[in-house]
Every structure is written in structure tokens, then in C-alpha cells.
PDB file of N, CA and C in Angstrom:
ATOM      1  N   MET A   1       3.250  59.764  73.076  1.00  0.00           N
ATOM      2  CA  MET A   1       3.271  58.312  73.053  1.00  0.00           C
ATOM      3  C   MET A   1       3.931  57.845  74.350  1.00  0.00           C
ATOM      4  N   ALA A   2       3.277  56.964  75.030  1.00  0.00           N
ATOM      5  CA  ALA A   2       3.812  56.407  76.267  1.00  0.00           C
ATOM      6  C   ALA A   2       4.629  55.168  75.949  1.00  0.00           C
ATOM      7  N   ARG A   3       5.839  55.144  76.435  1.00  0.00           N
ATOM      8  CA  ARG A   3       6.684  53.952  76.226  1.00  0.00           C
ATOM      9  C   ARG A   3       6.473  52.986  77.352  1.00  0.00           C
ATOM     10  N   ARG A   4       6.653  51.746  77.030  1.00  0.00           N
ATOM     11  CA  ARG A   4       6.451  50.716  78.029  1.00  0.00           C
ATOM     12  C   ARG A   4       7.769  50.093  78.443  1.00  0.00           C
ATOM     13  N   ARG A   5       8.480  49.520  77.528  1.00  0.00           N
ATOM     14  CA  ARG A   5       9.789  48.945  77.818  1.00  0.00           C
ATOM     15  C   ARG A   5      10.520  48.793  76.501  1.00  0.00           C
ATOM     16  N   GLY A   6      11.808  48.841  76.586  1.00  0.00           N
ATOM     17  CA  GLY A   6      12.591  48.704  75.372  1.00  0.00           C
ATOM     18  C   GLY A   6      12.370  49.890  74.460  1.00  0.00           C
ATOM     19  N   GLY A   7      13.122  49.953  73.391  1.00  0.00           N
ATOM     20  CA  GLY A   7      12.973  51.048  72.450  1.00  0.00           C
ATOM     21  C   GLY A   7      11.995  50.700  71.355  1.00  0.00           C
ATOM     22  N   THR A   8      11.705  51.695  70.552  1.00  0.00           N
ATOM     23  CA  THR A   8      10.798  51.468  69.433  1.00  0.00           C
ATOM     24  C   THR A   8      11.551  51.455  68.119  1.00  0.00           C
ATOM     25  N   MET A   9      12.880  51.525  68.167  1.00  0.00           N
ATOM     26  CA  MET A   9      13.673  51.495  66.943  1.00  0.00           C
ATOM     27  C   MET A   9      13.436  50.164  66.227  1.00  0.00           C
ATOM     28  N   ASN A  10      13.064  50.218  64.981  1.00  0.00           N
ATOM     29  CA  ASN A  10      12.781  49.027  64.164  1.00  0.00           C
ATOM     30  C   ASN A  10      11.563  48.237  64.633  1.00  0.00           C
ATOM     31  N   ALA A  11      10.792  48.804  65.537  1.00  0.00           N
ATOM     32  CA  ALA A  11       9.607  48.109  66.032  1.00  0.00           C
ATOM     33  C   ALA A  11       8.549  48.024  64.945  1.00  0.00           C
ATOM     34  N   MET A  12       7.653  47.057  65.079  1.00  0.00           N
ATOM     35  CA  MET A  12       6.501  46.945  64.187  1.00  0.00           C
ATOM     36  C   MET A  12       5.494  48.010  64.609  1.00  0.00           C
ATOM     37  N   THR A  13       5.090  48.840  63.664  1.00  0.00           N
ATOM     38  CA  THR A  13       4.124  49.908  63.897  1.00  0.00           C
ATOM     39  C   THR A  13       3.057  49.868  62.809  1.00  0.00           C
ATOM     40  N   ASN A  14       2.024  50.657  62.986  1.00  0.00           N
ATOM     41  CA  ASN A  14       1.009  50.756  61.938  1.00  0.00           C
ATOM     42  C   ASN A  14       1.595  51.343  60.660  1.00  0.00           C
ATOM     43  N   ALA A  15       2.546  52.253  60.801  1.00  0.00           N
ATOM     44  CA  ALA A  15       3.196  52.821  59.611  1.00  0.00           C
ATOM     45  C   ALA A  15       3.943  51.728  58.844  1.00  0.00           C
ATOM     46  N   ARG A  16       4.611  50.860  59.561  1.00  0.00           N
ATOM     47  CA  ARG A  16       5.333  49.763  58.904  1.00  0.00           C
ATOM     48  C   ARG A  16       4.361  48.799  58.227  1.00  0.00           C
ATOM     49  N   LEU A  17       3.248  48.496  58.894  1.00  0.00           N
ATOM     50  CA  LEU A  17       2.229  47.639  58.277  1.00  0.00           C
ATOM     51  C   LEU A  17       1.699  48.278  57.001  1.00  0.00           C
ATOM     52  N   GLY A  18       1.475  49.580  57.043  1.00  0.00           N
ATOM     53  CA  GLY A  18       1.009  50.283  55.856  1.00  0.00           C
ATOM     54  C   GLY A  18       2.005  50.199  54.716  1.00  0.00           C
ATOM     55  N   GLN A  19       3.285  50.349  55.055  1.00  0.00           N
ATOM     56  CA  GLN A  19       4.323  50.248  54.024  1.00  0.00           C
ATOM     57  C   GLN A  19       4.359  48.840  53.430  1.00  0.00           C
ATOM     58  N   GLU A  20       4.235  47.830  54.264  1.00  0.00           N
ATOM     59  CA  GLU A  20       4.203  46.453  53.764  1.00  0.00           C
ATOM     60  C   GLU A  20       3.016  46.252  52.826  1.00  0.00           C
ATOM     61  N   ASN A  21       1.868  46.788  53.194  1.00  0.00           N
ATOM     62  CA  ASN A  21       0.683  46.648  52.336  1.00  0.00           C
ATOM     63  C   ASN A  21       0.874  47.355  51.002  1.00  0.00           C
ATOM     64  N   ARG A  22       1.514  48.508  51.007  1.00  0.00           N
ATOM     65  CA  ARG A  22       1.791  49.199  49.741  1.00  0.00           C
ATOM     66  C   ARG A  22       2.799  48.406  48.911  1.00  0.00           C
ATOM     67  N   THR A  23       3.809  47.855  49.552  1.00  0.00           N
ATOM     68  CA  THR A  23       4.827  47.077  48.850  1.00  0.00           C
ATOM     69  C   THR A  23       4.220  45.845  48.180  1.00  0.00           C
ATOM     70  N   PHE A  24       3.319  45.171  48.881  1.00  0.00           N
ATOM     71  CA  PHE A  24       2.755  43.909  48.399  1.00  0.00           C
ATOM     72  C   PHE A  24       1.382  44.062  47.746  1.00  0.00           C
ATOM     73  N   HIS A  25       0.932  45.295  47.532  1.00  0.00           N
ATOM     74  CA  HIS A  25      -0.389  45.550  46.936  1.00  0.00           C
ATOM     75  C   HIS A  25      -0.583  44.716  45.660  1.00  0.00           C
ATOM     76  N   GLY A  26      -1.766  44.112  45.553  1.00  0.00           N
ATOM     77  CA  GLY A  26      -2.095  43.337  44.363  1.00  0.00           C
ATOM     78  C   GLY A  26      -1.540  41.924  44.349  1.00  0.00           C
ATOM     79  N   THR A  27      -1.007  41.475  45.473  1.00  0.00           N
ATOM     80  CA  THR A  27      -0.448  40.124  45.547  1.00  0.00           C
ATOM     81  C   THR A  27      -1.160  39.325  46.641  1.00  0.00           C
ATOM     82  N   GLY A  28      -0.777  38.088  46.775  1.00  0.00           N
ATOM     83  CA  GLY A  28      -1.303  37.238  47.832  1.00  0.00           C
ATOM     84  C   GLY A  28      -0.653  37.497  49.176  1.00  0.00           C
ATOM     85  N   ALA A  29       0.130  38.567  49.269  1.00  0.00           N
ATOM     86  CA  ALA A  29       0.798  38.908  50.527  1.00  0.00           C
ATOM     87  C   ALA A  29       0.026  39.960  51.317  1.00  0.00           C
ATOM     88  N   VAL A  30      -1.199  40.257  50.887  1.00  0.00           N
ATOM     89  CA  VAL A  30      -2.083  41.146  51.636  1.00  0.00           C
ATOM     90  C   VAL A  30      -3.404  40.413  51.866  1.00  0.00           C
ATOM     91  N   SER A  31      -4.089  40.787  52.917  1.00  0.00           N
ATOM     92  CA  SER A  31      -5.314  40.079  53.306  1.00  0.00           C
ATOM     93  C   SER A  31      -6.330  39.994  52.177  1.00  0.00           C
ATOM     94  N   ALA A  32      -6.539  41.089  51.467  1.00  0.00           N
ATOM     95  CA  ALA A  32      -7.530  41.088  50.387  1.00  0.00           C
ATOM     96  C   ALA A  32      -7.142  40.142  49.253  1.00  0.00           C
ATOM     97  N   GLY A  33      -5.852  39.859  49.119  1.00  0.00           N
ATOM     98  CA  GLY A  33      -5.386  39.015  48.037  1.00  0.00           C
ATOM     99  C   GLY A  33      -5.307  37.534  48.357  1.00  0.00           C
ATOM    100  N   ASN A  34      -5.526  37.188  49.638  1.00  0.00           N
ATOM    101  CA  ASN A  34      -5.381  35.766  49.977  1.00  0.00           C
ATOM    102  C   ASN A  34      -6.492  35.213  50.859  1.00  0.00           C
ATOM    103  N   ARG A  35      -7.430  36.037  51.255  1.00  0.00           N
ATOM    104  CA  ARG A  35      -8.507  35.606  52.153  1.00  0.00           C
ATOM    105  C   ARG A  35      -9.279  34.421  51.581  1.00  0.00           C
ATOM    106  N   GLU A  36      -9.572  34.470  50.290  1.00  0.00           N
ATOM    107  CA  GLU A  36     -10.349  33.386  49.667  1.00  0.00           C
ATOM    108  C   GLU A  36      -9.571  32.081  49.585  1.00  0.00           C
ATOM    109  N   GLU A  37      -8.259  32.150  49.785  1.00  0.00           N
ATOM    110  CA  GLU A  37      -7.412  30.954  49.786  1.00  0.00           C
ATOM    111  C   GLU A  37      -7.266  30.367  51.191  1.00  0.00           C
ATOM    112  N   GLY A  38      -7.978  30.944  52.159  1.00  0.00           N
ATOM    113  CA  GLY A  38      -7.959  30.418  53.523  1.00  0.00           C
ATOM    114  C   GLY A  38      -6.915  31.025  54.433  1.00  0.00           C
ATOM    115  N   PHE A  39      -6.253  32.080  54.010  1.00  0.00           N
ATOM    116  CA  PHE A  39      -5.245  32.733  54.842  1.00  0.00           C
ATOM    117  C   PHE A  39      -5.916  33.709  55.803  1.00  0.00           C
ATOM    118  N   ARG A  40      -5.396  33.782  57.025  1.00  0.00           N
ATOM    119  CA  ARG A  40      -5.870  34.725  58.025  1.00  0.00           C
ATOM    120  C   ARG A  40      -4.669  35.523  58.524  1.00  0.00           C
ATOM    121  N   PRO A  41      -4.824  36.845  58.679  1.00  0.00           N
ATOM    122  CA  PRO A  41      -3.702  37.667  59.121  1.00  0.00           C
ATOM    123  C   PRO A  41      -3.218  37.261  60.512  1.00  0.00           C
ATOM    124  N   ALA A  42      -1.900  37.266  60.663  1.00  0.00           N
ATOM    125  CA  ALA A  42      -1.299  36.861  61.927  1.00  0.00           C
ATOM    126  C   ALA A  42       0.073  37.518  62.065  1.00  0.00           C
ATOM    127  N   PHE A  43       0.655  37.334  63.216  1.00  0.00           N
ATOM    128  CA  PHE A  43       1.995  37.827  63.504  1.00  0.00           C
ATOM    129  C   PHE A  43       2.797  36.683  64.111  1.00  0.00           C
ATOM    130  N   ARG A  44       4.104  36.695  63.874  1.00  0.00           N
ATOM    131  CA  ARG A  44       4.981  35.711  64.507  1.00  0.00           C
ATOM    132  C   ARG A  44       6.143  36.449  65.145  1.00  0.00           C
ATOM    133  N   ASP A  45       6.458  36.045  66.364  1.00  0.00           N
ATOM    134  CA  ASP A  45       7.643  36.564  67.027  1.00  0.00           C
ATOM    135  C   ASP A  45       8.800  35.689  66.567  1.00  0.00           C
ATOM    136  N   VAL A  46       9.676  36.229  65.742  1.00  0.00           N
ATOM    137  CA  VAL A  46      10.764  35.422  65.184  1.00  0.00           C
ATOM    138  C   VAL A  46      11.771  35.016  66.250  1.00  0.00           C
ATOM    139  N   GLU A  47      11.742  35.677  67.386  1.00  0.00           N
ATOM    140  CA  GLU A  47      12.631  35.326  68.492  1.00  0.00           C
ATOM    141  C   GLU A  47      12.133  34.090  69.236  1.00  0.00           C
ATOM    142  N   THR A  48      10.823  34.022  69.463  1.00  0.00           N
ATOM    143  CA  THR A  48      10.264  32.922  70.250  1.00  0.00           C
ATOM    144  C   THR A  48       9.543  31.873  69.401  1.00  0.00           C
ATOM    145  N   GLY A  49       9.181  32.237  68.170  1.00  0.00           N
ATOM    146  CA  GLY A  49       8.410  31.345  67.310  1.00  0.00           C
ATOM    147  C   GLY A  49       6.918  31.384  67.581  1.00  0.00           C
ATOM    148  N   ARG A  50       6.512  32.142  68.569  1.00  0.00           N
ATOM    149  CA  ARG A  50       5.092  32.218  68.925  1.00  0.00           C
ATOM    150  C   ARG A  50       4.307  32.955  67.851  1.00  0.00           C
ATOM    151  N   VAL A  51       3.134  32.427  67.506  1.00  0.00           N
ATOM    152  CA  VAL A  51       2.273  33.015  66.480  1.00  0.00           C
ATOM    153  C   VAL A  51       1.025  33.573  67.157  1.00  0.00           C
ATOM    154  N   TYR A  52       0.631  34.762  66.721  1.00  0.00           N
ATOM    155  CA  TYR A  52      -0.539  35.447  67.251  1.00  0.00           C
ATOM    156  C   TYR A  52      -1.489  35.771  66.107  1.00  0.00           C
ATOM    157  N   ALA A  53      -2.725  35.335  66.208  1.00  0.00           N
ATOM    158  CA  ALA A  53      -3.737  35.717  65.227  1.00  0.00           C
ATOM    159  C   ALA A  53      -3.995  37.210  65.356  1.00  0.00           C
ATOM    160  N   SER A  54      -4.275  37.860  64.253  1.00  0.00           N
ATOM    161  CA  SER A  54      -4.628  39.274  64.288  1.00  0.00           C
ATOM    162  C   SER A  54      -6.046  39.391  64.819  1.00  0.00           C
ATOM    163  N   CYS A  55      -6.202  40.153  65.901  1.00  0.00           N
ATOM    164  CA  CYS A  55      -7.500  40.279  66.555  1.00  0.00           C
ATOM    165  C   CYS A  55      -7.792  41.722  66.932  1.00  0.00           C
ATOM    166  N   PHE A  56      -9.078  41.997  67.083  1.00  0.00           N
ATOM    167  CA  PHE A  56      -9.492  43.259  67.676  1.00  0.00           C
ATOM    168  C   PHE A  56      -9.218  43.168  69.178  1.00  0.00           C
ATOM    169  N   VAL A  57      -9.282  44.293  69.880  1.00  0.00           N
ATOM    170  CA  VAL A  57      -9.058  44.305  71.326  1.00  0.00           C
ATOM    171  C   VAL A  57     -10.007  43.346  72.040  1.00  0.00           C
ATOM    172  N   THR A  58     -11.182  43.153  71.481  1.00  0.00           N
ATOM    173  CA  THR A  58     -12.195  42.267  72.080  1.00  0.00           C
ATOM    174  C   THR A  58     -11.843  40.790  71.959  1.00  0.00           C
ATOM    175  N   GLY A  59     -10.815  40.497  71.152  1.00  0.00           N
ATOM    176  CA  GLY A  59     -10.447  39.103  70.928  1.00  0.00           C
ATOM    177  C   GLY A  59     -11.058  38.518  69.666  1.00  0.00           C
ATOM    178  N   GLN A  60     -11.960  39.241  69.039  1.00  0.00           N
ATOM    179  CA  GLN A  60     -12.561  38.775  67.781  1.00  0.00           C
ATOM    180  C   GLN A  60     -11.517  38.825  66.676  1.00  0.00           C
ATOM    181  N   PRO A  61     -11.496  37.828  65.800  1.00  0.00           N
ATOM    182  CA  PRO A  61     -10.527  37.835  64.691  1.00  0.00           C
ATOM    183  C   PRO A  61     -10.696  39.079  63.820  1.00  0.00           C
ATOM    184  N   ALA A  62      -9.578  39.672  63.452  1.00  0.00           N
ATOM    185  CA  ALA A  62      -9.583  40.842  62.574  1.00  0.00           C
ATOM    186  C   ALA A  62      -9.327  40.382  61.135  1.00  0.00           C
ATOM    187  N   PRO A  63      -9.975  40.996  60.164  1.00  0.00           N
ATOM    188  CA  PRO A  63      -9.790  40.597  58.767  1.00  0.00           C
ATOM    189  C   PRO A  63      -8.550  41.204  58.120  1.00  0.00           C
ATOM    190  N   PHE A  64      -7.739  41.884  58.912  1.00  0.00           N
ATOM    191  CA  PHE A  64      -6.521  42.538  58.441  1.00  0.00           C
ATOM    192  C   PHE A  64      -5.544  42.578  59.612  1.00  0.00           C
ATOM    193  N   HIS A  65      -4.315  42.981  59.362  1.00  0.00           N
ATOM    194  CA  HIS A  65      -3.317  43.057  60.436  1.00  0.00           C
ATOM    195  C   HIS A  65      -3.635  44.230  61.357  1.00  0.00           C
ATOM    196  N   LEU A  66      -3.750  43.941  62.638  1.00  0.00           N
ATOM    197  CA  LEU A  66      -4.117  44.927  63.635  1.00  0.00           C
ATOM    198  C   LEU A  66      -3.264  44.713  64.878  1.00  0.00           C
ATOM    199  N   LEU A  67      -2.516  45.728  65.271  1.00  0.00           N
ATOM    200  CA  LEU A  67      -1.619  45.610  66.423  1.00  0.00           C
ATOM    201  C   LEU A  67      -2.363  45.605  67.754  1.00  0.00           C
ATOM    202  N   ASP A  68      -3.526  46.243  67.818  1.00  0.00           N
ATOM    203  CA  ASP A  68      -4.226  46.419  69.096  1.00  0.00           C
ATOM    204  C   ASP A  68      -4.600  45.124  69.794  1.00  0.00           C
ATOM    205  N   GLY A  69      -4.740  44.031  69.086  1.00  0.00           N
ATOM    206  CA  GLY A  69      -5.124  42.772  69.707  1.00  0.00           C
ATOM    207  C   GLY A  69      -3.955  41.927  70.194  1.00  0.00           C
ATOM    208  N   LEU A  70      -2.736  42.420  69.983  1.00  0.00           N
ATOM    209  CA  LEU A  70      -1.570  41.646  70.419  1.00  0.00           C
ATOM    210  C   LEU A  70      -1.412  41.724  71.935  1.00  0.00           C
ATOM    211  N   PRO A  71      -0.848  40.689  72.547  1.00  0.00           N
ATOM    212  CA  PRO A  71      -0.719  40.655  74.003  1.00  0.00           C
ATOM    213  C   PRO A  71       0.303  41.673  74.520  1.00  0.00           C
ATOM    214  N   ASP A  72       0.104  42.076  75.764  1.00  0.00           N
ATOM    215  CA  ASP A  72       0.971  43.078  76.393  1.00  0.00           C
ATOM    216  C   ASP A  72       2.451  42.718  76.355  1.00  0.00           C
ATOM    217  N   GLU A  73       2.768  41.429  76.391  1.00  0.00           N
ATOM    218  CA  GLU A  73       4.187  41.058  76.457  1.00  0.00           C
ATOM    219  C   GLU A  73       4.972  41.426  75.195  1.00  0.00           C
ATOM    220  N   VAL A  74       4.291  41.721  74.092  1.00  0.00           N
ATOM    221  CA  VAL A  74       5.010  42.134  72.881  1.00  0.00           C
ATOM    222  C   VAL A  74       4.880  43.627  72.605  1.00  0.00           C
ATOM    223  N   VAL A  75       4.065  44.320  73.378  1.00  0.00           N
ATOM    224  CA  VAL A  75       3.852  45.761  73.194  1.00  0.00           C
ATOM    225  C   VAL A  75       5.012  46.534  73.821  1.00  0.00           C
ATOM    226  N   VAL A  76       5.606  47.446  73.046  1.00  0.00           N
ATOM    227  CA  VAL A  76       6.693  48.281  73.573  1.00  0.00           C
ATOM    228  C   VAL A  76       6.287  49.737  73.727  1.00  0.00           C
ATOM    229  N   ALA A  77       5.191  50.159  73.089  1.00  0.00           N
ATOM    230  CA  ALA A  77       4.730  51.538  73.231  1.00  0.00           C
ATOM    231  C   ALA A  77       3.235  51.615  72.950  1.00  0.00           C
ATOM    232  N   ARG A  78       2.577  52.516  73.678  1.00  0.00           N
ATOM    233  CA  ARG A  78       1.155  52.776  73.489  1.00  0.00           C
ATOM    234  C   ARG A  78       0.944  54.280  73.328  1.00  0.00           C
ATOM    235  N   HIS A  79      -0.103  54.625  72.588  1.00  0.00           N
ATOM    236  CA  HIS A  79      -0.520  56.019  72.491  1.00  0.00           C
ATOM    237  C   HIS A  79      -1.201  56.393  73.800  1.00  0.00           C
ATOM    238  N   ALA A  80      -1.372  57.674  74.046  1.00  0.00           N
ATOM    239  CA  ALA A  80      -2.048  58.138  75.263  1.00  0.00           C
ATOM    240  C   ALA A  80      -3.451  57.543  75.380  1.00  0.00           C
ATOM    241  N   SER A  81      -4.071  57.243  74.246  1.00  0.00           N
ATOM    242  CA  SER A  81      -5.415  56.651  74.228  1.00  0.00           C
ATOM    243  C   SER A  81      -5.428  55.193  74.673  1.00  0.00           C
ATOM    244  N   GLY A  82      -4.244  54.589  74.755  1.00  0.00           N
ATOM    245  CA  GLY A  82      -4.147  53.180  75.124  1.00  0.00           C
ATOM    246  C   GLY A  82      -3.950  52.259  73.942  1.00  0.00           C
ATOM    247  N   ARG A  83      -4.159  52.768  72.734  1.00  0.00           N
ATOM    248  CA  ARG A  83      -3.959  51.942  71.538  1.00  0.00           C
ATOM    249  C   ARG A  83      -2.478  51.612  71.376  1.00  0.00           C
ATOM    250  N   VAL A  84      -2.209  50.458  70.798  1.00  0.00           N
ATOM    251  CA  VAL A  84      -0.834  50.025  70.594  1.00  0.00           C
ATOM    252  C   VAL A  84      -0.170  50.913  69.546  1.00  0.00           C
ATOM    253  N   ALA A  85       0.993  51.439  69.898  1.00  0.00           N
ATOM    254  CA  ALA A  85       1.775  52.272  68.974  1.00  0.00           C
ATOM    255  C   ALA A  85       2.881  51.460  68.326  1.00  0.00           C
ATOM    256  N   ALA A  86       3.436  50.501  69.071  1.00  0.00           N
ATOM    257  CA  ALA A  86       4.544  49.694  68.544  1.00  0.00           C
ATOM    258  C   ALA A  86       4.651  48.395  69.320  1.00  0.00           C
ATOM    259  N   VAL A  87       5.087  47.367  68.607  1.00  0.00           N
ATOM    260  CA  VAL A  87       5.376  46.081  69.238  1.00  0.00           C
ATOM    261  C   VAL A  87       6.836  45.724  68.952  1.00  0.00           C
ATOM    262  N   LYS A  88       7.322  44.722  69.626  1.00  0.00           N
ATOM    263  CA  LYS A  88       8.718  44.310  69.511  1.00  0.00           C
ATOM    264  C   LYS A  88       9.176  44.222  68.057  1.00  0.00           C
ATOM    265  N   ALA A  89      10.409  44.578  67.830  1.00  0.00           N
ATOM    266  CA  ALA A  89      10.986  44.520  66.483  1.00  0.00           C
ATOM    267  C   ALA A  89      11.046  43.094  65.952  1.00  0.00           C
ATOM    268  N   THR A  90      10.929  42.119  66.832  1.00  0.00           N
ATOM    269  CA  THR A  90      10.981  40.719  66.402  1.00  0.00           C
ATOM    270  C   THR A  90       9.631  40.200  65.933  1.00  0.00           C
ATOM    271  N   ILE A  91       8.615  41.049  65.936  1.00  0.00           N
ATOM    272  CA  ILE A  91       7.288  40.657  65.462  1.00  0.00           C
ATOM    273  C   ILE A  91       7.219  40.873  63.955  1.00  0.00           C
ATOM    274  N   ALA A  92       6.855  39.821  63.226  1.00  0.00           N
ATOM    275  CA  ALA A  92       6.726  39.888  61.768  1.00  0.00           C
ATOM    276  C   ALA A  92       5.275  39.636  61.390  1.00  0.00           C
ATOM    277  N   SER A  93       4.785  40.386  60.428  1.00  0.00           N
ATOM    278  CA  SER A  93       3.416  40.154  59.951  1.00  0.00           C
ATOM    279  C   SER A  93       3.428  39.044  58.913  1.00  0.00           C
ATOM    280  N   GLY A  94       2.344  38.322  58.865  1.00  0.00           N
ATOM    281  CA  GLY A  94       2.198  37.237  57.898  1.00  0.00           C
ATOM    282  C   GLY A  94       0.794  36.700  57.976  1.00  0.00           C
ATOM    283  N   PHE A  95       0.650  35.410  57.741  1.00  0.00           N
ATOM    284  CA  PHE A  95      -0.671  34.795  57.683  1.00  0.00           C
ATOM    285  C   PHE A  95      -0.610  33.378  58.222  1.00  0.00           C
ATOM    286  N   VAL A  96      -1.748  32.898  58.667  1.00  0.00           N
ATOM    287  CA  VAL A  96      -1.886  31.500  59.086  1.00  0.00           C
ATOM    288  C   VAL A  96      -2.905  30.837  58.165  1.00  0.00           C
ATOM    289  N   ARG A  97      -2.560  29.646  57.723  1.00  0.00           N
ATOM    290  CA  ARG A  97      -3.491  28.820  56.960  1.00  0.00           C
ATOM    291  C   ARG A  97      -3.273  27.386  57.398  1.00  0.00           C
ATOM    292  N   GLN A  98      -4.348  26.727  57.763  1.00  0.00           N
ATOM    293  CA  GLN A  98      -4.316  25.336  58.215  1.00  0.00           C
ATOM    294  C   GLN A  98      -3.250  25.110  59.284  1.00  0.00           C
ATOM    295  N   GLY A  99      -3.167  26.042  60.230  1.00  0.00           N
ATOM    296  CA  GLY A  99      -2.264  25.910  61.367  1.00  0.00           C
ATOM    297  C   GLY A  99      -0.815  26.265  61.106  1.00  0.00           C
ATOM    298  N   ARG A 100      -0.484  26.663  59.890  1.00  0.00           N
ATOM    299  CA  ARG A 100       0.907  26.989  59.548  1.00  0.00           C
ATOM    300  C   ARG A 100       1.053  28.490  59.303  1.00  0.00           C
ATOM    301  N   PHE A 101       2.132  29.070  59.833  1.00  0.00           N
ATOM    302  CA  PHE A 101       2.419  30.485  59.599  1.00  0.00           C
ATOM    303  C   PHE A 101       3.140  30.642  58.270  1.00  0.00           C
ATOM    304  N   PHE A 102       2.717  31.632  57.503  1.00  0.00           N
ATOM    305  CA  PHE A 102       3.348  31.994  56.236  1.00  0.00           C
ATOM    306  C   PHE A 102       3.835  33.430  56.321  1.00  0.00           C
ATOM    307  N   THR A 103       5.068  33.703  55.920  1.00  0.00           N
ATOM    308  CA  THR A 103       5.509  35.083  55.780  1.00  0.00           C
ATOM    309  C   THR A 103       4.717  35.698  54.631  1.00  0.00           C
ATOM    310  N   ARG A 104       4.821  36.983  54.456  1.00  0.00           N
ATOM    311  CA  ARG A 104       4.131  37.623  53.335  1.00  0.00           C
ATOM    312  C   ARG A 104       4.647  37.048  52.010  1.00  0.00           C
ATOM    313  N   ASP A 105       5.948  36.872  51.892  1.00  0.00           N
ATOM    314  CA  ASP A 105       6.507  36.308  50.655  1.00  0.00           C
ATOM    315  C   ASP A 105       5.991  34.895  50.409  1.00  0.00           C
ATOM    316  N   GLU A 106       5.925  34.080  51.453  1.00  0.00           N
ATOM    317  CA  GLU A 106       5.433  32.704  51.307  1.00  0.00           C
ATOM    318  C   GLU A 106       3.959  32.677  50.921  1.00  0.00           C
ATOM    319  N   ALA A 107       3.171  33.570  51.509  1.00  0.00           N
ATOM    320  CA  ALA A 107       1.747  33.632  51.164  1.00  0.00           C
ATOM    321  C   ALA A 107       1.570  34.061  49.709  1.00  0.00           C
ATOM    322  N   ALA A 108       2.347  35.042  49.277  1.00  0.00           N
ATOM    323  CA  ALA A 108       2.258  35.502  47.884  1.00  0.00           C
ATOM    324  C   ALA A 108       2.586  34.361  46.931  1.00  0.00           C
ATOM    325  N   ALA A 109       3.623  33.602  47.243  1.00  0.00           N
ATOM    326  CA  ALA A 109       4.028  32.482  46.385  1.00  0.00           C
ATOM    327  C   ALA A 109       2.960  31.398  46.373  1.00  0.00           C
ATOM    328  N   ALA A 110       2.357  31.111  47.531  1.00  0.00           N
ATOM    329  CA  ALA A 110       1.335  30.070  47.612  1.00  0.00           C
ATOM    330  C   ALA A 110       0.097  30.446  46.806  1.00  0.00           C
ATOM    331  N   VAL A 111      -0.279  31.710  46.838  1.00  0.00           N
ATOM    332  CA  VAL A 111      -1.459  32.160  46.098  1.00  0.00           C
ATOM    333  C   VAL A 111      -1.173  32.194  44.606  1.00  0.00           C
ATOM    334  N   ALA A 112       0.060  32.488  44.231  1.00  0.00           N
ATOM    335  CA  ALA A 112       0.429  32.585  42.810  1.00  0.00           C
ATOM    336  C   ALA A 112       0.426  31.227  42.120  1.00  0.00           C
ATOM    337  N   HIS A 113       0.551  30.144  42.880  1.00  0.00           N
ATOM    338  CA  HIS A 113       0.609  28.799  42.271  1.00  0.00           C
ATOM    339  C   HIS A 113      -0.728  28.147  42.201  1.00  0.00           C
TER     340      HIS A 113
END
């Protein structure tokens, strides 16, 4: 794994995304559980407040959380293949609906009501 800058301790990784999906399985806090309610997977940098839609490398919207489409300024490590291995620890996964970012907990609560 090639490092770019900063450490990867507590960084957002695909393993962490997988753990979040297992934790929230069957709720509105995963893409499959909230897509019909208008939620789209996204990330927010809690340090800057900037929100990033989840996208493929091509820029096309991704139907699930995908690190590869995030901008270089939040990437802290890449695999030898060039794929994103980790992004800043301040990046949180969540969803956007009608221009507003929802944490996973907020999305789950919104879908439950």
C-alpha cells in the first residue's frame, strides 16, 4: 500500500465501510434500506463540513459508498493499483437527501418514521 500523507490510523477504509454496513444491516442506514426514500450515499468531512457524493472514478454516481470517487485531497493511502485504500479519519459515511447530509443514524431514524 502506498501512503500519500498523514497516517491511516482511524482512517476511513473499505473494511470500516463493511463493518458499518454489517452494523446497520436491515435498517435505513444502508443504501439498500433507504434508496427508495430518496437517500443517496455520500461522505462528509466533519472537519471542513464539505460533503462528497459517492461516485465511481468516472464521476458517475455510485449506488453505494465507494471511496475511489473521493477527491485526492482526502485520500491518505492508495493501493499499488491506484485504488483508494484510505481517506482522512475525519471522513464520515452517510447520505444526502434533498441537499441535506444525514449521518447513518439520522438516515435510519428518518426511514423508520
